[in-house]
Amino acid sequence: SSHSPESGIGLSHNSLPGSDTYDQPDGADDDNAEFYDAEPLPIIGTCRALYTFEGTSEGSMSMSEGEELNVIELDQGDGWTRVRRMRVFEEGFVPTTYIEMALYNNC
């Protein structure tokens, strides 16, 4: 029967205690948007790709020679710098020796 108790469980206000807090289109979604806006690492400088790099390993990012990127994390001694491409909001690591950096003064 299509009128089984399970078919209306999502519509019942008595189905789960507090479940209506997850159904609010405004409250929860706005909070998550604010959380994610604060999440990304701050931009600490810019860089220009000296060479083309094909980012094939997990966590790496491809870049084209001459491309301008934002620096968000300096090389920690492993030879990789974390960068961000703003037009598609893509982040990843590129070889430090493949870029020319200009860090902001407060870094």
N, C-alpha and C. Protein backbone atom coordinates (compact mmCIF):
# COMPACT_ATOMS: atom_id res chain seq x y z
N SER A 1 0.83 -1.19 0.00
CA SER A 1 0.00 0.00 0.00
C SER A 1 0.87 1.25 0.00
N SER A 2 0.52 2.26 -0.79
CA SER A 2 1.30 3.49 -0.86
C SER A 2 1.05 4.38 0.34
N HIS A 3 0.10 4.03 1.18
CA HIS A 3 -0.19 4.82 2.38
C HIS A 3 0.44 4.20 3.62
N SER A 4 1.60 3.58 3.46
CA SER A 4 2.29 2.98 4.60
C SER A 4 2.82 4.07 5.52
N PRO A 5 3.08 3.76 6.77
CA PRO A 5 3.60 4.76 7.71
C PRO A 5 4.93 5.37 7.26
N GLU A 6 5.76 4.59 6.55
CA GLU A 6 7.07 5.09 6.13
C GLU A 6 6.97 6.21 5.10
N SER A 7 5.91 6.22 4.30
CA SER A 7 5.82 7.20 3.22
C SER A 7 5.68 8.63 3.73
N GLY A 8 5.18 8.81 4.93
CA GLY A 8 4.99 10.17 5.43
C GLY A 8 5.92 10.56 6.55
N ILE A 9 6.94 9.76 6.82
CA ILE A 9 7.80 10.02 7.98
C ILE A 9 8.53 11.37 7.89
N GLY A 10 8.89 11.79 6.69
CA GLY A 10 9.60 13.06 6.53
C GLY A 10 8.68 14.26 6.72
N LEU A 11 7.38 14.05 6.60
CA LEU A 11 6.43 15.15 6.69
C LEU A 11 5.93 15.34 8.12
N SER A 12 6.13 14.36 8.95
CA SER A 12 5.63 14.43 10.32
C SER A 12 6.56 15.25 11.19
N HIS A 13 5.98 16.17 11.96
CA HIS A 13 6.79 16.96 12.89
C HIS A 13 7.15 16.15 14.13
N ASN A 14 6.54 14.99 14.27
CA ASN A 14 6.80 14.15 15.44
C ASN A 14 7.78 13.02 15.14
N SER A 15 8.32 12.98 13.93
CA SER A 15 9.15 11.84 13.54
C SER A 15 10.45 11.77 14.33
N LEU A 16 11.17 12.88 14.46
CA LEU A 16 12.41 12.90 15.21
C LEU A 16 12.48 14.17 16.04
N PRO A 17 12.89 14.07 17.28
CA PRO A 17 13.01 15.29 18.09
C PRO A 17 14.02 16.25 17.48
N GLY A 18 13.61 17.48 17.29
CA GLY A 18 14.52 18.50 16.77
C GLY A 18 14.76 18.41 15.28
N SER A 19 14.07 17.52 14.57
CA SER A 19 14.36 17.36 13.15
C SER A 19 13.98 18.59 12.34
N ASP A 20 13.03 19.39 12.84
CA ASP A 20 12.62 20.56 12.06
C ASP A 20 13.72 21.61 11.97
N THR A 21 14.74 21.55 12.82
CA THR A 21 15.84 22.51 12.72
C THR A 21 16.66 22.28 11.46
N TYR A 22 16.64 21.08 10.91
CA TYR A 22 17.40 20.78 9.70
C TYR A 22 16.63 21.14 8.44
N ASP A 23 15.33 21.40 8.58
CA ASP A 23 14.50 21.70 7.42
C ASP A 23 14.39 23.19 7.14
N GLN A 24 15.01 24.03 7.94
CA GLN A 24 14.90 25.46 7.74
C GLN A 24 15.78 25.89 6.56
N PRO A 25 15.18 26.50 5.54
CA PRO A 25 15.96 26.89 4.37
C PRO A 25 16.93 28.03 4.66
N ASP A 26 16.66 28.85 5.65
CA ASP A 26 17.51 30.01 5.91
C ASP A 26 18.60 29.73 6.93
N GLY A 27 18.23 29.32 8.12
CA GLY A 27 19.16 29.24 9.24
C GLY A 27 20.40 28.41 9.01
N ALA A 28 20.26 27.13 8.77
CA ALA A 28 21.41 26.24 8.68
C ALA A 28 22.28 26.56 7.47
N ASP A 29 21.65 26.85 6.34
CA ASP A 29 22.43 27.12 5.14
C ASP A 29 23.28 28.37 5.28
N ASP A 30 22.73 29.42 5.89
CA ASP A 30 23.50 30.65 6.08
C ASP A 30 24.68 30.41 7.00
N ASP A 31 24.47 29.63 8.04
CA ASP A 31 25.57 29.35 8.98
C ASP A 31 26.69 28.61 8.26
N ASN A 32 26.34 27.64 7.44
CA ASN A 32 27.36 26.88 6.72
C ASN A 32 28.11 27.77 5.74
N ALA A 33 27.40 28.68 5.08
CA ALA A 33 28.06 29.57 4.12
C ALA A 33 29.09 30.44 4.84
N GLU A 34 28.72 30.95 6.01
CA GLU A 34 29.66 31.78 6.77
C GLU A 34 30.86 30.95 7.22
N PHE A 35 30.61 29.72 7.62
CA PHE A 35 31.70 28.86 8.07
C PHE A 35 32.68 28.61 6.94
N TYR A 36 32.18 28.30 5.74
CA TYR A 36 33.07 28.01 4.63
C TYR A 36 33.79 29.25 4.12
N ASP A 37 33.16 30.41 4.25
CA ASP A 37 33.83 31.64 3.85
C ASP A 37 35.05 31.89 4.72
N ALA A 38 34.99 31.51 5.98
CA ALA A 38 36.10 31.72 6.90
C ALA A 38 37.15 30.61 6.81
N GLU A 39 36.81 29.51 6.19
CA GLU A 39 37.65 28.33 6.15
C GLU A 39 38.93 28.48 5.32
N PRO A 40 38.88 29.05 4.10
CA PRO A 40 40.08 29.05 3.24
C PRO A 40 41.27 29.78 3.87
N LEU A 41 42.44 29.30 3.55
CA LEU A 41 43.66 29.94 4.04
C LEU A 41 43.79 31.33 3.43
N PRO A 42 44.33 32.29 4.19
CA PRO A 42 44.51 33.63 3.64
C PRO A 42 45.58 33.66 2.56
N ILE A 43 45.44 34.57 1.64
CA ILE A 43 46.42 34.75 0.57
C ILE A 43 47.61 35.51 1.14
N ILE A 44 48.81 34.95 1.00
CA ILE A 44 50.01 35.58 1.58
C ILE A 44 50.92 36.16 0.51
N GLY A 45 50.55 36.01 -0.75
CA GLY A 45 51.34 36.57 -1.84
C GLY A 45 50.83 36.08 -3.17
N THR A 46 51.57 36.41 -4.20
CA THR A 46 51.23 35.95 -5.54
C THR A 46 52.44 35.25 -6.15
N CYS A 47 52.21 34.51 -7.20
CA CYS A 47 53.32 33.88 -7.90
C CYS A 47 53.00 33.77 -9.37
N ARG A 48 54.04 33.59 -10.15
CA ARG A 48 53.91 33.39 -11.60
C ARG A 48 54.62 32.10 -11.94
N ALA A 49 53.95 31.28 -12.73
CA ALA A 49 54.53 30.00 -13.14
C ALA A 49 55.65 30.24 -14.15
N LEU A 50 56.84 29.76 -13.82
CA LEU A 50 57.98 29.86 -14.73
C LEU A 50 57.93 28.78 -15.80
N TYR A 51 57.28 27.67 -15.46
CA TYR A 51 57.18 26.52 -16.37
C TYR A 51 55.78 25.93 -16.27
N THR A 52 55.38 25.19 -17.28
CA THR A 52 54.14 24.43 -17.23
C THR A 52 54.35 23.23 -16.33
N PHE A 53 53.36 22.93 -15.50
CA PHE A 53 53.43 21.77 -14.61
C PHE A 53 52.12 21.01 -14.72
N GLU A 54 52.22 19.70 -14.94
CA GLU A 54 51.04 18.84 -14.99
C GLU A 54 50.86 18.19 -13.63
N GLY A 55 49.89 18.68 -12.87
CA GLY A 55 49.65 18.14 -11.54
C GLY A 55 48.88 16.83 -11.61
N THR A 56 49.61 15.73 -11.56
CA THR A 56 48.97 14.42 -11.72
C THR A 56 48.81 13.68 -10.39
N SER A 57 49.56 14.06 -9.37
CA SER A 57 49.44 13.36 -8.09
C SER A 57 48.40 14.04 -7.21
N GLU A 58 47.87 13.30 -6.25
CA GLU A 58 46.84 13.82 -5.37
C GLU A 58 47.37 15.03 -4.59
N GLY A 59 46.60 16.12 -4.62
CA GLY A 59 46.99 17.32 -3.90
C GLY A 59 47.75 18.32 -4.74
N SER A 60 48.27 17.88 -5.89
CA SER A 60 48.99 18.82 -6.75
C SER A 60 48.01 19.48 -7.72
N MET A 61 48.45 20.57 -8.34
CA MET A 61 47.60 21.33 -9.24
C MET A 61 48.38 21.69 -10.50
N SER A 62 47.78 21.52 -11.66
CA SER A 62 48.42 21.89 -12.91
C SER A 62 48.46 23.40 -13.05
N MET A 63 49.47 23.89 -13.76
CA MET A 63 49.55 25.32 -14.06
C MET A 63 50.26 25.48 -15.39
N SER A 64 49.98 26.59 -16.04
CA SER A 64 50.58 26.89 -17.33
C SER A 64 51.67 27.93 -17.16
N GLU A 65 52.69 27.87 -18.00
CA GLU A 65 53.77 28.86 -17.95
C GLU A 65 53.19 30.26 -18.07
N GLY A 66 53.62 31.16 -17.16
CA GLY A 66 53.15 32.54 -17.15
C GLY A 66 51.88 32.77 -16.37
N GLU A 67 51.23 31.72 -15.89
CA GLU A 67 49.98 31.86 -15.15
C GLU A 67 50.23 32.51 -13.80
N GLU A 68 49.33 33.41 -13.40
CA GLU A 68 49.41 34.08 -12.10
C GLU A 68 48.51 33.34 -11.11
N LEU A 69 49.06 33.03 -9.94
CA LEU A 69 48.32 32.32 -8.90
C LEU A 69 48.53 33.02 -7.56
N ASN A 70 47.66 32.73 -6.61
CA ASN A 70 47.81 33.25 -5.26
C ASN A 70 48.53 32.22 -4.39
N VAL A 71 49.46 32.68 -3.57
CA VAL A 71 50.19 31.80 -2.65
C VAL A 71 49.41 31.79 -1.34
N ILE A 72 49.11 30.58 -0.82
CA ILE A 72 48.39 30.47 0.44
C ILE A 72 49.16 29.70 1.51
N GLU A 73 50.24 29.02 1.12
CA GLU A 73 51.08 28.33 2.11
C GLU A 73 52.48 28.18 1.54
N LEU A 74 53.47 28.58 2.31
CA LEU A 74 54.86 28.52 1.86
C LEU A 74 55.40 27.09 1.88
N ASP A 75 56.44 26.87 1.13
CA ASP A 75 57.16 25.60 1.12
C ASP A 75 57.59 25.27 2.55
N GLN A 76 57.25 24.09 3.02
CA GLN A 76 57.60 23.66 4.38
C GLN A 76 58.88 22.84 4.39
N GLY A 77 59.67 22.97 3.33
CA GLY A 77 60.91 22.22 3.24
C GLY A 77 60.81 20.98 2.37
N ASP A 78 59.62 20.73 1.82
CA ASP A 78 59.44 19.54 1.00
C ASP A 78 59.46 19.85 -0.50
N GLY A 79 59.68 21.13 -0.86
CA GLY A 79 59.77 21.49 -2.26
C GLY A 79 58.45 21.85 -2.93
N TRP A 80 57.36 21.95 -2.14
CA TRP A 80 56.03 22.24 -2.69
C TRP A 80 55.45 23.48 -2.02
N THR A 81 54.80 24.33 -2.80
CA THR A 81 54.12 25.52 -2.32
C THR A 81 52.64 25.39 -2.64
N ARG A 82 51.80 25.75 -1.68
CA ARG A 82 50.35 25.65 -1.88
C ARG A 82 49.83 26.95 -2.49
N VAL A 83 49.09 26.81 -3.60
CA VAL A 83 48.59 27.97 -4.33
C VAL A 83 47.09 27.84 -4.58
N ARG A 84 46.49 28.97 -4.97
CA ARG A 84 45.05 28.99 -5.26
C ARG A 84 44.84 29.70 -6.60
N ARG A 85 44.00 29.12 -7.41
CA ARG A 85 43.56 29.73 -8.67
C ARG A 85 42.18 30.30 -8.39
N MET A 86 42.04 31.62 -8.47
CA MET A 86 40.82 32.27 -8.03
C MET A 86 39.63 32.10 -8.98
N ARG A 87 39.84 32.08 -10.28
CA ARG A 87 38.69 32.08 -11.19
C ARG A 87 37.82 30.84 -11.04
N VAL A 88 38.40 29.74 -10.61
CA VAL A 88 37.61 28.52 -10.37
C VAL A 88 37.77 28.03 -8.94
N PHE A 89 38.40 28.83 -8.10
CA PHE A 89 38.67 28.51 -6.71
C PHE A 89 39.22 27.08 -6.56
N GLU A 90 40.36 26.86 -7.18
CA GLU A 90 41.04 25.57 -7.12
C GLU A 90 42.31 25.76 -6.31
N GLU A 91 42.60 24.83 -5.42
CA GLU A 91 43.81 24.88 -4.60
C GLU A 91 44.62 23.62 -4.80
N GLY A 92 45.94 23.76 -4.66
CA GLY A 92 46.79 22.59 -4.75
C GLY A 92 48.25 22.97 -4.59
N PHE A 93 49.09 21.98 -4.64
CA PHE A 93 50.53 22.20 -4.48
C PHE A 93 51.22 22.19 -5.84
N VAL A 94 52.21 23.08 -5.97
CA VAL A 94 53.04 23.14 -7.18
C VAL A 94 54.50 23.14 -6.73
N PRO A 95 55.41 22.70 -7.60
CA PRO A 95 56.83 22.69 -7.22
C PRO A 95 57.33 24.13 -7.00
N THR A 96 57.95 24.36 -5.86
CA THR A 96 58.45 25.69 -5.52
C THR A 96 59.42 26.22 -6.57
N THR A 97 60.22 25.34 -7.15
CA THR A 97 61.21 25.77 -8.15
C THR A 97 60.57 26.17 -9.48
N TYR A 98 59.28 25.90 -9.65
CA TYR A 98 58.58 26.22 -10.89
C TYR A 98 57.90 27.59 -10.83
N ILE A 99 57.98 28.28 -9.69
CA ILE A 99 57.27 29.55 -9.55
C ILE A 99 58.20 30.66 -9.08
N GLU A 100 57.79 31.87 -9.40
CA GLU A 100 58.48 33.07 -8.93
C GLU A 100 57.48 33.78 -8.02
N MET A 101 57.83 33.92 -6.73
CA MET A 101 56.90 34.44 -5.74
C MET A 101 57.15 35.91 -5.41
N ALA A 102 56.06 36.59 -5.09
CA ALA A 102 56.10 37.94 -4.53
C ALA A 102 55.19 37.92 -3.31
N LEU A 103 55.80 37.82 -2.13
CA LEU A 103 55.02 37.74 -0.89
C LEU A 103 54.61 39.14 -0.43
N TYR A 104 53.48 39.19 0.26
CA TYR A 104 53.02 40.46 0.82
C TYR A 104 53.92 40.82 2.01
N ASN A 105 54.00 42.08 2.33
CA ASN A 105 54.92 42.58 3.37
C ASN A 105 54.65 42.04 4.76
N ASN A 106 53.42 41.69 5.06
CA ASN A 106 53.09 41.24 6.42
C ASN A 106 53.39 39.77 6.65
N CYS A 107 54.08 39.11 5.73
CA CYS A 107 54.39 37.67 5.88
C CYS A 107 55.78 37.47 6.42
